Amino acid sequence: YALQSMRQSLPLSKLYTGVGVLQSDDEGMVISLDKPYFSKEIEQSQANEIICETHYDLQPKGTFKGWWEMYLKQVKGNLLLELAVVFAASSLVTAFLKTRHEVEFAGTIFSFMGNSSTGKSTAAALAVSIAGNPTKGSNTLFRSWNGTRNALEGYLSSNYGLPIVLDELSAATFKDTTGLLYSLAEGQGRQRSNIDGNVKALKNWGTSVISTAEHSVLNNSARNDGLNVRTIEISEAFTTSADNADAIKRATSVNYGHIMPLVAEYLLKREDEVIKWFHAEHDWFKNQLKNETSNTGIRMFKRYA
């Protein structure tokens, strides 16, 4: 009775469900990762009144030093492995830029394509290790294509800036992936009705998806320009040797989740600088490819930037 009578005087907390950039307005920005990260406007007023919950395993494990030493020895200097890390970090940067109305897209599909010995799964695990657990599991950032469309949508739901791996497209049971790929890139699930015929609430997200496969992710799709501009595909060997792959897997399995929080803090503290860099990169692509005549190529400039 005493607890019930005190309910009216308890402070209210704002609850966010999801990860990534969950709020971005005049009141400030909230980025949810292993814990909430706030812009200075919120830190000064209501940081203690905000709670974030997620269904991903994002608690850092091991040490930043362990991950960074692996990066310097096994990744630095290998363009494709460096790109894998950049692709993952770009998911949160892209979500941030979208809230600032600098880009109109929520995420990009990154397709790692090649034979089983080319290190595509290793590169994918390396990529998501910057944000959370990179091993396959029920709540990790590394999942399989082997699932229903509804399950994939449920796993991506409320993700606004954390990279997700969907491993081995050959395991998928979809005959036509056109609609699904559009859905993944655009961040909105299929409209469904409940038993009463009313429309269910749509699942929404806005992040980058890394796909691995022995063939192109566009093989079972319409291969139209709309999908081409939403997909960046790499079909070369990522790792240089079996030892290189083993060292990366070993290090990332025990050291993960330390990099994306640093990216979040950078975005929150140096927002104008990030936007300025983005414009500089976008202008560079437009200048270097000023003779580009393909509309598909021109539409890719912002994603490259």
Protein backbone atom coordinates (compact mmCIF):
# COMPACT_ATOMS: atom_id res chain seq x y z
CA TYR A 1 0.00 0.00 0.00
CA ALA A 2 2.85 2.34 0.86
CA LEU A 3 4.51 1.68 -2.51
CA GLN A 4 1.23 2.21 -4.37
CA SER A 5 0.58 5.49 -2.60
CA MET A 6 4.03 6.76 -3.58
CA ARG A 7 3.63 6.01 -7.31
CA GLN A 8 2.40 9.50 -8.13
CA SER A 9 5.57 11.07 -6.75
CA LEU A 10 8.03 8.78 -8.55
CA PRO A 11 10.14 10.34 -11.34
CA LEU A 12 9.25 9.19 -14.86
CA SER A 13 11.87 7.62 -17.14
CA LYS A 14 11.81 7.62 -20.92
CA LEU A 15 12.27 4.10 -22.33
CA TYR A 16 13.81 3.47 -25.75
CA THR A 17 13.74 0.02 -27.34
CA GLY A 18 16.42 -0.50 -29.95
CA VAL A 19 20.01 0.39 -30.78
CA GLY A 20 21.83 3.09 -32.72
CA VAL A 21 20.60 6.65 -33.14
CA LEU A 22 17.29 6.56 -31.26
CA GLN A 23 16.69 10.29 -30.83
CA SER A 24 18.00 13.26 -32.76
CA ASP A 25 16.16 16.56 -32.41
CA ASP A 26 16.43 19.98 -30.80
CA GLU A 27 16.49 18.36 -27.37
CA GLY A 28 19.66 16.42 -28.18
CA MET A 29 20.82 13.03 -29.45
CA VAL A 30 20.63 9.58 -27.89
CA ILE A 31 22.78 6.74 -29.22
CA SER A 32 22.18 3.34 -27.64
CA LEU A 33 24.95 0.72 -27.76
CA ASP A 34 26.23 -1.23 -24.77
CA LYS A 35 24.79 1.70 -22.80
CA PRO A 36 23.15 5.01 -23.73
CA TYR A 37 25.39 7.80 -25.03
CA PHE A 38 24.07 11.37 -24.90
CA SER A 39 24.84 14.70 -26.49
CA LYS A 40 25.75 17.51 -24.11
CA GLU A 41 22.20 18.94 -24.15
CA ILE A 42 20.81 15.74 -22.63
CA GLU A 43 23.76 15.08 -20.33
CA GLN A 44 23.06 18.34 -18.55
CA SER A 45 19.37 17.75 -17.98
CA GLN A 46 17.78 14.32 -18.34
CA ALA A 47 20.45 11.64 -18.78
CA ASN A 48 19.36 9.87 -15.59
CA GLU A 49 15.77 9.70 -16.85
CA ILE A 50 16.48 7.74 -20.04
CA ILE A 51 16.59 3.94 -20.23
CA CYS A 52 17.56 1.93 -23.35
CA GLU A 53 17.05 -1.77 -23.91
CA THR A 54 18.26 -3.99 -26.73
CA HIS A 55 18.13 -7.66 -27.70
CA TYR A 56 21.72 -7.76 -29.01
CA ASP A 57 24.84 -8.88 -27.13
CA LEU A 58 26.79 -5.59 -27.12
CA GLN A 59 28.63 -5.73 -23.81
CA PRO A 60 32.36 -5.24 -24.53
CA LYS A 61 34.53 -8.23 -23.86
CA GLY A 62 38.30 -8.46 -23.52
CA THR A 63 40.23 -5.25 -24.07
CA PHE A 64 40.52 -2.47 -26.62
CA LYS A 65 44.27 -3.12 -26.65
CA GLY A 66 43.75 -6.77 -27.64
CA TRP A 67 41.53 -5.81 -30.58
CA TRP A 68 43.79 -2.94 -31.65
CA GLU A 69 46.96 -5.02 -31.63
CA MET A 70 45.22 -7.58 -33.85
CA TYR A 71 44.13 -4.77 -36.19
CA LEU A 72 47.67 -3.40 -36.52
CA LYS A 73 49.21 -6.82 -37.16
CA GLN A 74 46.54 -8.60 -39.21
CA VAL A 75 44.36 -5.92 -40.81
CA LYS A 76 46.24 -2.67 -41.36
CA GLY A 77 47.62 -2.52 -44.89
CA ASN A 78 45.10 -5.03 -46.25
CA LEU A 79 42.67 -2.78 -48.14
CA LEU A 80 39.74 -5.22 -48.16
CA LEU A 81 39.93 -6.02 -44.44
CA GLU A 82 40.23 -2.32 -43.66
CA LEU A 83 37.16 -1.73 -45.84
CA ALA A 84 35.22 -4.35 -43.88
CA VAL A 85 35.84 -2.37 -40.68
CA VAL A 86 34.94 0.89 -42.44
CA PHE A 87 31.70 -0.63 -43.75
CA ALA A 88 30.71 -1.58 -40.21
CA ALA A 89 31.57 1.81 -38.70
CA SER A 90 29.72 3.54 -41.55
CA SER A 91 26.41 2.03 -40.41
CA LEU A 92 26.26 4.33 -37.37
CA VAL A 93 27.69 7.30 -39.30
CA THR A 94 25.06 6.83 -42.02
CA ALA A 95 22.26 6.67 -39.44
CA PHE A 96 23.62 9.87 -37.92
CA LEU A 97 23.83 11.64 -41.30
CA LYS A 98 20.26 10.60 -42.08
CA THR A 99 18.97 12.24 -38.91
CA ARG A 100 20.80 15.39 -40.01
CA HIS A 101 19.13 15.15 -43.46
CA GLU A 102 22.47 14.84 -45.24
CA VAL A 103 21.58 11.49 -46.82
CA GLU A 104 18.20 10.04 -47.70
CA PHE A 105 19.01 6.33 -47.25
CA ALA A 106 19.00 4.37 -44.04
CA GLY A 107 21.62 1.74 -44.85
CA THR A 108 23.53 -0.19 -47.48
CA ILE A 109 23.81 -3.87 -48.31
CA PHE A 110 27.48 -4.89 -48.36
CA SER A 111 27.93 -8.18 -50.18
CA PHE A 112 31.10 -10.20 -49.53
CA MET A 113 31.29 -12.76 -52.31
CA GLY A 114 33.76 -15.58 -52.98
CA ASN A 115 34.69 -19.20 -52.39
CA SER A 116 34.89 -20.69 -48.92
CA SER A 117 38.63 -20.04 -48.63
CA THR A 118 38.57 -16.31 -49.41
CA GLY A 119 37.94 -15.14 -45.84
CA LYS A 120 34.56 -13.46 -46.39
CA SER A 121 33.05 -14.77 -43.13
CA THR A 122 36.21 -13.81 -41.25
CA ALA A 123 35.98 -10.28 -42.69
CA ALA A 124 32.31 -10.10 -41.73
CA ALA A 125 33.06 -11.19 -38.15
CA LEU A 126 35.89 -8.65 -37.98
CA ALA A 127 33.47 -5.95 -39.13
CA VAL A 128 30.80 -6.51 -36.48
CA SER A 129 33.38 -7.09 -33.72
CA ILE A 130 33.70 -3.31 -33.47
CA ALA A 131 30.16 -3.18 -32.06
CA GLY A 132 29.43 -6.46 -30.27
CA ASN A 133 29.65 -10.23 -30.21
CA PRO A 134 30.80 -11.47 -33.67
CA THR A 135 30.12 -15.18 -33.16
CA LYS A 136 26.95 -16.92 -34.31
CA GLY A 137 24.26 -17.00 -31.67
CA SER A 138 20.66 -16.16 -30.87
CA ASN A 139 21.33 -12.53 -29.90
CA THR A 140 24.66 -11.70 -31.54
CA LEU A 141 25.41 -9.48 -34.54
CA PHE A 142 26.35 -12.51 -36.66
CA ARG A 143 23.38 -14.46 -37.99
CA SER A 144 22.53 -16.82 -40.84
CA TRP A 145 20.43 -16.30 -43.96
CA ASN A 146 18.72 -19.57 -43.01
CA GLY A 147 15.48 -18.21 -41.60
CA THR A 148 12.07 -16.93 -42.54
CA ARG A 149 11.59 -13.39 -43.78
CA ASN A 150 9.58 -12.62 -40.67
CA ALA A 151 12.45 -13.82 -38.47
CA LEU A 152 15.01 -11.68 -40.31
CA GLU A 153 12.77 -8.64 -40.03
CA GLY A 154 12.27 -9.30 -36.32
CA TYR A 155 15.99 -9.50 -35.75
CA LEU A 156 16.65 -6.21 -37.58
CA SER A 157 13.71 -4.39 -35.98
CA SER A 158 14.58 -1.14 -34.15
CA ASN A 159 18.21 -1.25 -35.28
CA TYR A 160 19.29 2.24 -36.32
CA GLY A 161 23.01 2.06 -36.87
CA LEU A 162 24.55 -1.28 -35.87
CA PRO A 163 25.90 -3.55 -38.63
CA ILE A 164 24.36 -7.01 -38.93
CA VAL A 165 25.91 -10.02 -40.70
CA LEU A 166 23.72 -12.48 -42.59
CA ASP A 167 26.06 -15.36 -43.35
CA GLU A 168 25.96 -17.72 -46.33
CA LEU A 169 23.18 -16.76 -48.69
CA SER A 170 23.14 -20.30 -50.09
CA ALA A 171 21.34 -21.39 -46.90
CA ALA A 172 18.41 -19.06 -47.62
CA THR A 173 15.12 -20.61 -48.71
CA PHE A 174 13.82 -17.61 -50.67
CA LYS A 175 13.26 -18.18 -54.37
CA ASP A 176 13.12 -14.47 -55.20
CA THR A 177 15.07 -12.03 -53.03
CA THR A 178 14.10 -8.79 -54.80
CA GLY A 179 11.49 -7.68 -52.28
CA LEU A 180 13.55 -8.79 -49.29
CA LEU A 181 16.68 -6.90 -50.44
CA TYR A 182 14.65 -3.73 -50.97
CA SER A 183 13.17 -4.21 -47.52
CA LEU A 184 16.60 -4.70 -45.90
CA ALA A 185 18.00 -1.56 -47.52
CA GLU A 186 14.95 0.63 -47.00
CA GLY A 187 14.42 -0.41 -43.39
CA GLN A 188 10.80 -1.42 -43.41
CA GLY A 189 9.22 -4.84 -43.05
CA ARG A 190 6.38 -6.31 -45.07
CA GLN A 191 2.88 -5.14 -44.23
CA ARG A 192 0.89 -7.89 -42.51
CA SER A 193 -2.56 -8.19 -40.98
CA ASN A 194 -3.63 -9.86 -37.76
CA ILE A 195 -6.41 -12.43 -37.32
CA ASP A 196 -8.98 -9.62 -37.27
CA GLY A 197 -7.84 -8.26 -40.61
CA ASN A 198 -6.30 -5.13 -39.10
CA VAL A 199 -2.82 -4.06 -40.19
CA LYS A 200 -0.07 -5.00 -37.76
CA ALA A 201 2.46 -2.42 -36.67
CA LEU A 202 5.33 -2.36 -39.16
CA LYS A 203 8.83 -3.38 -38.13
CA ASN A 204 11.30 -0.59 -38.88
CA TRP A 205 15.08 -0.27 -38.88
CA GLY A 206 17.79 1.65 -40.68
CA THR A 207 21.22 0.08 -40.80
CA SER A 208 23.80 -1.68 -42.94
CA VAL A 209 23.61 -5.40 -43.61
CA ILE A 210 26.72 -7.43 -44.49
CA SER A 211 25.91 -10.52 -46.55
CA THR A 212 28.31 -13.35 -47.32
CA ALA A 213 27.83 -15.79 -50.18
CA GLU A 214 29.66 -17.81 -52.81
CA HIS A 215 27.64 -16.02 -55.47
CA SER A 216 26.24 -12.53 -55.97
CA VAL A 217 23.55 -11.42 -53.53
CA LEU A 218 21.64 -10.21 -56.62
CA ASN A 219 21.56 -13.64 -58.30
CA ASN A 220 17.98 -14.46 -57.34
CA SER A 221 16.71 -10.90 -57.71
CA ALA A 222 15.52 -8.65 -60.51
CA ARG A 223 19.00 -7.03 -60.71
CA ASN A 224 17.48 -3.62 -61.43
CA ASP A 225 19.12 -0.24 -60.86
CA GLY A 226 17.26 0.22 -57.58
CA LEU A 227 19.06 -2.76 -56.05
CA ASN A 228 22.38 -1.91 -57.71
CA VAL A 229 22.53 1.50 -56.03
CA ARG A 230 21.69 -0.05 -52.65
CA THR A 231 24.41 -2.71 -52.84
CA ILE A 232 28.21 -2.59 -52.70
CA GLU A 233 29.67 -5.95 -53.66
CA ILE A 234 33.23 -7.21 -53.28
CA SER A 235 34.35 -10.43 -54.93
CA GLU A 236 38.05 -10.69 -54.04
CA ALA A 237 39.94 -12.59 -51.35
CA PHE A 238 39.83 -10.80 -48.00
CA THR A 239 42.41 -12.68 -45.96
CA THR A 240 45.96 -13.34 -47.12
CA SER A 241 46.37 -16.80 -45.57
CA ALA A 242 44.83 -19.34 -43.22
CA ASP A 243 47.06 -18.01 -40.43
CA ASN A 244 45.81 -14.48 -41.09
CA ALA A 245 42.18 -15.65 -40.86
CA ASP A 246 42.78 -17.72 -37.71
CA ALA A 247 44.51 -14.82 -35.94
CA ILE A 248 41.60 -12.49 -36.70
CA LYS A 249 38.97 -15.01 -35.58
CA ARG A 250 40.85 -15.79 -32.38
CA ALA A 251 41.32 -12.13 -31.43
CA THR A 252 37.79 -10.96 -32.29
CA SER A 253 36.15 -13.84 -30.42
CA VAL A 254 37.62 -12.60 -27.13
CA ASN A 255 37.97 -8.85 -27.82
CA TYR A 256 34.94 -7.04 -29.17
CA GLY A 257 32.56 -4.14 -28.62
CA HIS A 258 35.20 -1.47 -27.94
CA ILE A 259 35.25 0.57 -31.16
CA MET A 260 31.65 1.60 -31.90
CA PRO A 261 31.27 3.42 -28.54
CA LEU A 262 34.26 5.55 -29.58
CA VAL A 263 32.56 6.27 -32.91
CA ALA A 264 29.38 7.27 -31.04
CA GLU A 265 31.27 9.64 -28.75
CA TYR A 266 33.02 11.17 -31.75
CA LEU A 267 29.68 11.77 -33.51
CA LEU A 268 28.20 13.37 -30.40
CA LYS A 269 31.15 15.66 -29.66
CA ARG A 270 32.30 16.59 -33.18
CA GLU A 271 29.09 16.62 -35.18
CA ASP A 272 29.94 19.59 -37.41
CA GLU A 273 33.32 18.10 -38.27
CA VAL A 274 31.77 14.79 -39.36
CA ILE A 275 29.28 16.58 -41.62
CA LYS A 276 32.07 18.72 -43.08
CA TRP A 277 34.13 15.58 -43.84
CA PHE A 278 31.15 13.96 -45.49
CA HIS A 279 30.65 16.95 -47.81
CA ALA A 280 34.37 16.94 -48.64
CA GLU A 281 34.29 13.24 -49.58
CA HIS A 282 31.10 13.66 -51.59
CA ASP A 283 32.65 16.56 -53.54
CA TRP A 284 35.76 14.44 -54.17
CA PHE A 285 33.72 11.66 -55.77
CA LYS A 286 31.74 14.12 -57.88
CA ASN A 287 34.97 15.72 -59.09
CA GLN A 288 36.84 12.48 -59.78
CA LEU A 289 33.85 10.99 -61.61
CA LYS A 290 32.59 14.16 -63.27
CA ASN A 291 32.50 12.33 -66.63
CA GLU A 292 30.33 9.54 -65.20
CA THR A 293 27.28 9.08 -67.43
CA SER A 294 25.64 6.14 -65.66
CA ASN A 295 22.77 7.27 -63.46
CA THR A 296 23.45 4.25 -61.23
CA GLY A 297 27.03 5.41 -60.67
CA ILE A 298 26.01 8.97 -59.92
CA ARG A 299 23.46 7.78 -57.36
CA MET A 300 26.22 5.86 -55.55
CA PHE A 301 28.36 8.93 -54.73
CA LYS A 302 26.84 9.56 -51.31
CA ARG A 303 27.09 5.91 -50.30
CA TYR A 304 30.76 5.86 -51.28
CA ALA A 305 31.34 9.10 -49.38
